């Protein structure tokens, strides 16, 4: 299985703002790390896996 898609509950760490995109770093303006409002489980991430050898095999997923 290979990783096909990852959906995370936040775009960056809201506390330290690590990995925050440059275009969202406006001094004096607070920007939410969750602009879509999508939450996976209890603020985790969803990983979807696919079989590279046969697309007819069912996809697998994991929530962390």
PDB file of N, CA and C in Angstrom:
ATOM      1  N   UNK A   1       0.841  -1.177   0.000  1.00  0.00           N
ATOM      2  CA  UNK A   1       0.000   0.000   0.000  1.00  0.00           C
ATOM      3  C   UNK A   1       0.890   1.245   0.000  1.00  0.00           C
ATOM      4  N   UNK A   2       0.490   2.235  -0.765  1.00  0.00           N
ATOM      5  CA  UNK A   2       1.206   3.509  -0.818  1.00  0.00           C
ATOM      6  C   UNK A   2       0.268   4.623  -0.375  1.00  0.00           C
ATOM      7  N   UNK A   3       0.847   5.612   0.273  1.00  0.00           N
ATOM      8  CA  UNK A   3       0.068   6.755   0.725  1.00  0.00           C
ATOM      9  C   UNK A   3      -0.483   7.504  -0.479  1.00  0.00           C
ATOM     10  N   UNK A   4      -1.790   7.699  -0.514  1.00  0.00           N
ATOM     11  CA  UNK A   4      -2.460   8.392  -1.606  1.00  0.00           C
ATOM     12  C   UNK A   4      -2.847   9.812  -1.203  1.00  0.00           C
ATOM     13  N   UNK A   5      -3.309   9.982   0.050  1.00  0.00           N
ATOM     14  CA  UNK A   5      -3.853  11.269   0.487  1.00  0.00           C
ATOM     15  C   UNK A   5      -3.724  11.393   1.999  1.00  0.00           C
ATOM     16  N   UNK A   6      -3.429  12.593   2.470  1.00  0.00           N
ATOM     17  CA  UNK A   6      -3.443  12.896   3.901  1.00  0.00           C
ATOM     18  C   UNK A   6      -4.316  14.119   4.131  1.00  0.00           C
ATOM     19  N   UNK A   7      -5.247  14.015   5.083  1.00  0.00           N
ATOM     20  CA  UNK A   7      -6.106  15.132   5.477  1.00  0.00           C
ATOM     21  C   UNK A   7      -5.796  15.402   6.939  1.00  0.00           C
ATOM     22  N   UNK A   8      -5.341  16.611   7.247  1.00  0.00           N
ATOM     23  CA  UNK A   8      -4.966  16.966   8.616  1.00  0.00           C
ATOM     24  C   UNK A   8      -5.988  17.943   9.181  1.00  0.00           C
ATOM     25  N   UNK A   9      -6.156  17.932  10.490  1.00  0.00           N
ATOM     26  CA  UNK A   9      -7.115  18.829  11.138  1.00  0.00           C
ATOM     27  C   UNK A   9      -6.657  20.278  11.164  1.00  0.00           C
ATOM     28  N   UNK A  10      -5.363  20.518  11.046  1.00  0.00           N
ATOM     29  CA  UNK A  10      -4.876  21.894  11.014  1.00  0.00           C
ATOM     30  C   UNK A  10      -3.779  22.018   9.961  1.00  0.00           C
ATOM     31  N   UNK A  11      -3.606  23.229   9.468  1.00  0.00           N
ATOM     32  CA  UNK A  11      -2.605  23.445   8.425  1.00  0.00           C
ATOM     33  C   UNK A  11      -1.206  23.619   8.997  1.00  0.00           C
ATOM     34  N   UNK A  12      -1.113  24.074  10.236  1.00  0.00           N
ATOM     35  CA  UNK A  12       0.172  24.211  10.907  1.00  0.00           C
ATOM     36  C   UNK A  12      -0.080  24.195  12.405  1.00  0.00           C
ATOM     37  N   UNK A  13       0.985  24.099  13.176  1.00  0.00           N
ATOM     38  CA  UNK A  13       0.891  24.100  14.631  1.00  0.00           C
ATOM     39  C   UNK A  13       0.421  25.472  15.093  1.00  0.00           C
ATOM     40  N   UNK A  14      -0.783  25.532  15.671  1.00  0.00           N
ATOM     41  CA  UNK A  14      -1.345  26.805  16.100  1.00  0.00           C
ATOM     42  C   UNK A  14      -0.586  27.464  17.238  1.00  0.00           C
ATOM     43  N   UNK A  15       0.129  26.680  18.064  1.00  0.00           N
ATOM     44  CA  UNK A  15       0.862  27.245  19.192  1.00  0.00           C
ATOM     45  C   UNK A  15       2.165  27.899  18.796  1.00  0.00           C
ATOM     46  N   UNK A  16       2.984  27.189  18.026  1.00  0.00           N
ATOM     47  CA  UNK A  16       4.293  27.732  17.661  1.00  0.00           C
ATOM     48  C   UNK A  16       4.317  28.307  16.250  1.00  0.00           C
ATOM     49  N   UNK A  17       3.254  28.038  15.476  1.00  0.00           N
ATOM     50  CA  UNK A  17       3.155  28.492  14.079  1.00  0.00           C
ATOM     51  C   UNK A  17       4.261  27.902  13.211  1.00  0.00           C
ATOM     52  N   UNK A  18       4.790  26.736  13.621  1.00  0.00           N
ATOM     53  CA  UNK A  18       5.803  26.101  12.783  1.00  0.00           C
ATOM     54  C   UNK A  18       5.172  25.647  11.476  1.00  0.00           C
ATOM     55  N   UNK A  19       5.897  25.705  10.421  1.00  0.00           N
ATOM     56  CA  UNK A  19       5.462  25.357   9.070  1.00  0.00           C
ATOM     57  C   UNK A  19       4.330  26.247   8.580  1.00  0.00           C
ATOM     58  N   UNK A  20       4.228  27.443   9.112  1.00  0.00           N
ATOM     59  CA  UNK A  20       3.182  28.377   8.677  1.00  0.00           C
ATOM     60  C   UNK A  20       3.578  28.972   7.324  1.00  0.00           C
ATOM     61  N   UNK A  21       2.678  28.972   6.336  1.00  0.00           N
ATOM     62  CA  UNK A  21       3.001  29.504   5.015  1.00  0.00           C
ATOM     63  C   UNK A  21       3.410  30.976   5.066  1.00  0.00           C
ATOM     64  N   UNK A  22       4.354  31.371   4.234  1.00  0.00           N
ATOM     65  CA  UNK A  22       4.832  32.751   4.210  1.00  0.00           C
ATOM     66  C   UNK A  22       3.702  33.740   3.935  1.00  0.00           C
ATOM     67  N   UNK A  23       2.783  33.395   3.049  1.00  0.00           N
ATOM     68  CA  UNK A  23       1.698  34.324   2.714  1.00  0.00           C
ATOM     69  C   UNK A  23       0.727  34.539   3.871  1.00  0.00           C
ATOM     70  N   UNK A  24       0.767  33.679   4.892  1.00  0.00           N
ATOM     71  CA  UNK A  24      -0.088  33.847   6.073  1.00  0.00           C
ATOM     72  C   UNK A  24       0.638  34.504   7.239  1.00  0.00           C
ATOM     73  N   UNK A  25       1.876  34.938   7.034  1.00  0.00           N
ATOM     74  CA  UNK A  25       2.651  35.572   8.105  1.00  0.00           C
ATOM     75  C   UNK A  25       2.564  37.092   8.003  1.00  0.00           C
ATOM     76  N   UNK A  26       1.412  37.611   8.341  1.00  0.00           N
ATOM     77  CA  UNK A  26       1.186  39.057   8.319  1.00  0.00           C
ATOM     78  C   UNK A  26       1.329  39.574   9.742  1.00  0.00           C
ATOM     79  N   UNK A  27       2.284  40.470   9.994  1.00  0.00           N
ATOM     80  CA  UNK A  27       2.490  40.979  11.354  1.00  0.00           C
ATOM     81  C   UNK A  27       1.226  41.655  11.910  1.00  0.00           C
ATOM     82  N   UNK A  28       0.889  41.297  13.138  1.00  0.00           N
ATOM     83  CA  UNK A  28      -0.237  41.919  13.817  1.00  0.00           C
ATOM     84  C   UNK A  28      -1.593  41.349  13.444  1.00  0.00           C
ATOM     85  N   UNK A  29      -1.636  40.381  12.545  1.00  0.00           N
ATOM     86  CA  UNK A  29      -2.904  39.788  12.134  1.00  0.00           C
ATOM     87  C   UNK A  29      -2.924  38.331  12.564  1.00  0.00           C
ATOM     88  N   UNK A  30      -3.898  37.970  13.391  1.00  0.00           N
ATOM     89  CA  UNK A  30      -4.026  36.579  13.821  1.00  0.00           C
ATOM     90  C   UNK A  30      -4.693  35.755  12.729  1.00  0.00           C
ATOM     91  N   UNK A  31      -4.101  34.632  12.395  1.00  0.00           N
ATOM     92  CA  UNK A  31      -4.640  33.762  11.354  1.00  0.00           C
ATOM     93  C   UNK A  31      -4.880  32.381  11.954  1.00  0.00           C
ATOM     94  N   UNK A  32      -6.038  31.833  11.692  1.00  0.00           N
ATOM     95  CA  UNK A  32      -6.373  30.515  12.204  1.00  0.00           C
ATOM     96  C   UNK A  32      -5.577  29.437  11.484  1.00  0.00           C
ATOM     97  N   UNK A  33      -5.124  28.437  12.236  1.00  0.00           N
ATOM     98  CA  UNK A  33      -4.426  27.306  11.622  1.00  0.00           C
ATOM     99  C   UNK A  33      -5.417  26.282  11.075  1.00  0.00           C
ATOM    100  N   UNK A  34      -6.721  26.556  11.230  1.00  0.00           N
ATOM    101  CA  UNK A  34      -7.763  25.664  10.730  1.00  0.00           C
ATOM    102  C   UNK A  34      -8.770  26.446   9.882  1.00  0.00           C
ATOM    103  N   UNK A  35      -8.345  27.002   8.750  1.00  0.00           N
ATOM    104  CA  UNK A  35      -9.254  27.841   7.960  1.00  0.00           C
ATOM    105  C   UNK A  35     -10.423  27.072   7.356  1.00  0.00           C
ATOM    106  N   UNK A  36     -10.290  25.771   7.102  1.00  0.00           N
ATOM    107  CA  UNK A  36     -11.397  25.010   6.519  1.00  0.00           C
ATOM    108  C   UNK A  36     -12.404  24.562   7.563  1.00  0.00           C
ATOM    109  N   UNK A  37     -11.969  24.444   8.811  1.00  0.00           N
ATOM    110  CA  UNK A  37     -12.847  23.969   9.871  1.00  0.00           C
ATOM    111  C   UNK A  37     -13.033  22.456   9.866  1.00  0.00           C
ATOM    112  N   UNK A  38     -12.330  21.745   8.985  1.00  0.00           N
ATOM    113  CA  UNK A  38     -12.429  20.287   8.939  1.00  0.00           C
ATOM    114  C   UNK A  38     -11.614  19.685  10.081  1.00  0.00           C
ATOM    115  N   UNK A  39     -12.238  18.806  10.835  1.00  0.00           N
ATOM    116  CA  UNK A  39     -11.559  18.159  11.958  1.00  0.00           C
ATOM    117  C   UNK A  39     -11.663  16.641  11.775  1.00  0.00           C
ATOM    118  N   UNK A  40     -10.523  15.966  11.825  1.00  0.00           N
ATOM    119  CA  UNK A  40     -10.475  14.516  11.686  1.00  0.00           C
ATOM    120  C   UNK A  40     -10.373  13.903  13.078  1.00  0.00           C
ATOM    121  N   UNK A  41     -11.358  13.084  13.434  1.00  0.00           N
ATOM    122  CA  UNK A  41     -11.338  12.431  14.747  1.00  0.00           C
ATOM    123  C   UNK A  41     -11.254  13.456  15.862  1.00  0.00           C
ATOM    124  N   UNK A  42     -10.284  13.301  16.726  1.00  0.00           N
ATOM    125  CA  UNK A  42     -10.047  14.258  17.815  1.00  0.00           C
ATOM    126  C   UNK A  42      -8.837  15.115  17.469  1.00  0.00           C
ATOM    127  N   UNK A  43      -8.950  15.890  16.419  1.00  0.00           N
ATOM    128  CA  UNK A  43      -7.906  16.795  15.925  1.00  0.00           C
ATOM    129  C   UNK A  43      -6.686  16.030  15.433  1.00  0.00           C
ATOM    130  N   UNK A  44      -6.924  14.922  14.734  1.00  0.00           N
ATOM    131  CA  UNK A  44      -5.834  14.116  14.197  1.00  0.00           C
ATOM    132  C   UNK A  44      -5.682  14.295  12.699  1.00  0.00           C
ATOM    133  N   UNK A  45      -5.227  13.212  12.041  1.00  0.00           N
ATOM    134  CA  UNK A  45      -5.092  13.244  10.597  1.00  0.00           C
ATOM    135  C   UNK A  45      -5.585  11.927  10.017  1.00  0.00           C
ATOM    136  N   UNK A  46      -6.081  11.995   8.794  1.00  0.00           N
ATOM    137  CA  UNK A  46      -6.575  10.838   8.071  1.00  0.00           C
ATOM    138  C   UNK A  46      -5.602  10.522   6.950  1.00  0.00           C
ATOM    139  N   UNK A  47      -5.131   9.283   6.890  1.00  0.00           N
ATOM    140  CA  UNK A  47      -4.246   8.829   5.818  1.00  0.00           C
ATOM    141  C   UNK A  47      -4.998   7.790   4.991  1.00  0.00           C
ATOM    142  N   UNK A  48      -5.011   7.984   3.666  1.00  0.00           N
ATOM    143  CA  UNK A  48      -5.658   7.046   2.756  1.00  0.00           C
ATOM    144  C   UNK A  48      -4.564   6.375   1.933  1.00  0.00           C
ATOM    145  N   UNK A  49      -4.620   5.048   1.863  1.00  0.00           N
ATOM    146  CA  UNK A  49      -3.609   4.271   1.147  1.00  0.00           C
ATOM    147  C   UNK A  49      -4.260   3.524  -0.017  1.00  0.00           C
ATOM    148  N   UNK A  50      -3.492   3.361  -1.106  1.00  0.00           N
ATOM    149  CA  UNK A  50      -3.967   2.637  -2.282  1.00  0.00           C
ATOM    150  C   UNK A  50      -2.939   1.596  -2.688  1.00  0.00           C
ATOM    151  N   UNK A  51      -3.411   0.562  -3.354  1.00  0.00           N
ATOM    152  CA  UNK A  51      -2.523  -0.486  -3.842  1.00  0.00           C
ATOM    153  C   UNK A  51      -1.962  -0.063  -5.202  1.00  0.00           C
ATOM    154  N   UNK A  52      -0.639   0.069  -5.326  1.00  0.00           N
ATOM    155  CA  UNK A  52      -0.060   0.520  -6.592  1.00  0.00           C
ATOM    156  C   UNK A  52      -0.082  -0.544  -7.695  1.00  0.00           C
ATOM    157  N   UNK A  53      -0.199  -1.818  -7.326  1.00  0.00           N
ATOM    158  CA  UNK A  53      -0.146  -2.873  -8.344  1.00  0.00           C
ATOM    159  C   UNK A  53      -1.510  -3.189  -8.966  1.00  0.00           C
ATOM    160  N   UNK A  54      -2.603  -2.946  -8.207  1.00  0.00           N
ATOM    161  CA  UNK A  54      -3.927  -3.244  -8.736  1.00  0.00           C
ATOM    162  C   UNK A  54      -4.944  -2.256  -8.164  1.00  0.00           C
ATOM    163  N   UNK A  55      -5.435  -1.318  -8.974  1.00  0.00           N
ATOM    164  CA  UNK A  55      -6.373  -0.307  -8.469  1.00  0.00           C
ATOM    165  C   UNK A  55      -7.724  -0.883  -8.033  1.00  0.00           C
ATOM    166  N   UNK A  56      -7.986  -2.163  -8.349  1.00  0.00           N
ATOM    167  CA  UNK A  56      -9.238  -2.787  -7.916  1.00  0.00           C
ATOM    168  C   UNK A  56      -9.201  -3.187  -6.445  1.00  0.00           C
ATOM    169  N   UNK A  57      -8.012  -3.263  -5.866  1.00  0.00           N
ATOM    170  CA  UNK A  57      -7.927  -3.569  -4.435  1.00  0.00           C
ATOM    171  C   UNK A  57      -8.530  -2.415  -3.637  1.00  0.00           C
ATOM    172  N   UNK A  58      -9.219  -2.717  -2.553  1.00  0.00           N
ATOM    173  CA  UNK A  58      -9.848  -1.635  -1.782  1.00  0.00           C
ATOM    174  C   UNK A  58      -8.809  -0.714  -1.122  1.00  0.00           C
ATOM    175  N   UNK A  59      -9.191   0.530  -1.012  1.00  0.00           N
ATOM    176  CA  UNK A  59      -8.326   1.500  -0.322  1.00  0.00           C
ATOM    177  C   UNK A  59      -8.357   1.194   1.173  1.00  0.00           C
ATOM    178  N   UNK A  60      -7.307   1.552   1.857  1.00  0.00           N
ATOM    179  CA  UNK A  60      -7.231   1.418   3.312  1.00  0.00           C
ATOM    180  C   UNK A  60      -7.029   2.804   3.891  1.00  0.00           C
ATOM    181  N   UNK A  61      -7.421   2.981   5.138  1.00  0.00           N
ATOM    182  CA  UNK A  61      -7.259   4.276   5.774  1.00  0.00           C
ATOM    183  C   UNK A  61      -6.856   4.106   7.228  1.00  0.00           C
ATOM    184  N   UNK A  62      -6.301   5.168   7.747  1.00  0.00           N
ATOM    185  CA  UNK A  62      -5.833   5.194   9.130  1.00  0.00           C
ATOM    186  C   UNK A  62      -6.063   6.587   9.688  1.00  0.00           C
ATOM    187  N   UNK A  63      -6.572   6.652  10.894  1.00  0.00           N
ATOM    188  CA  UNK A  63      -6.727   7.945  11.586  1.00  0.00           C
ATOM    189  C   UNK A  63      -5.770   7.948  12.758  1.00  0.00           C
ATOM    190  N   UNK A  64      -4.925   8.966  12.821  1.00  0.00           N
ATOM    191  CA  UNK A  64      -3.939   9.074  13.904  1.00  0.00           C
ATOM    192  C   UNK A  64      -4.179  10.314  14.700  1.00  0.00           C
TER     193      UNK A  64
END
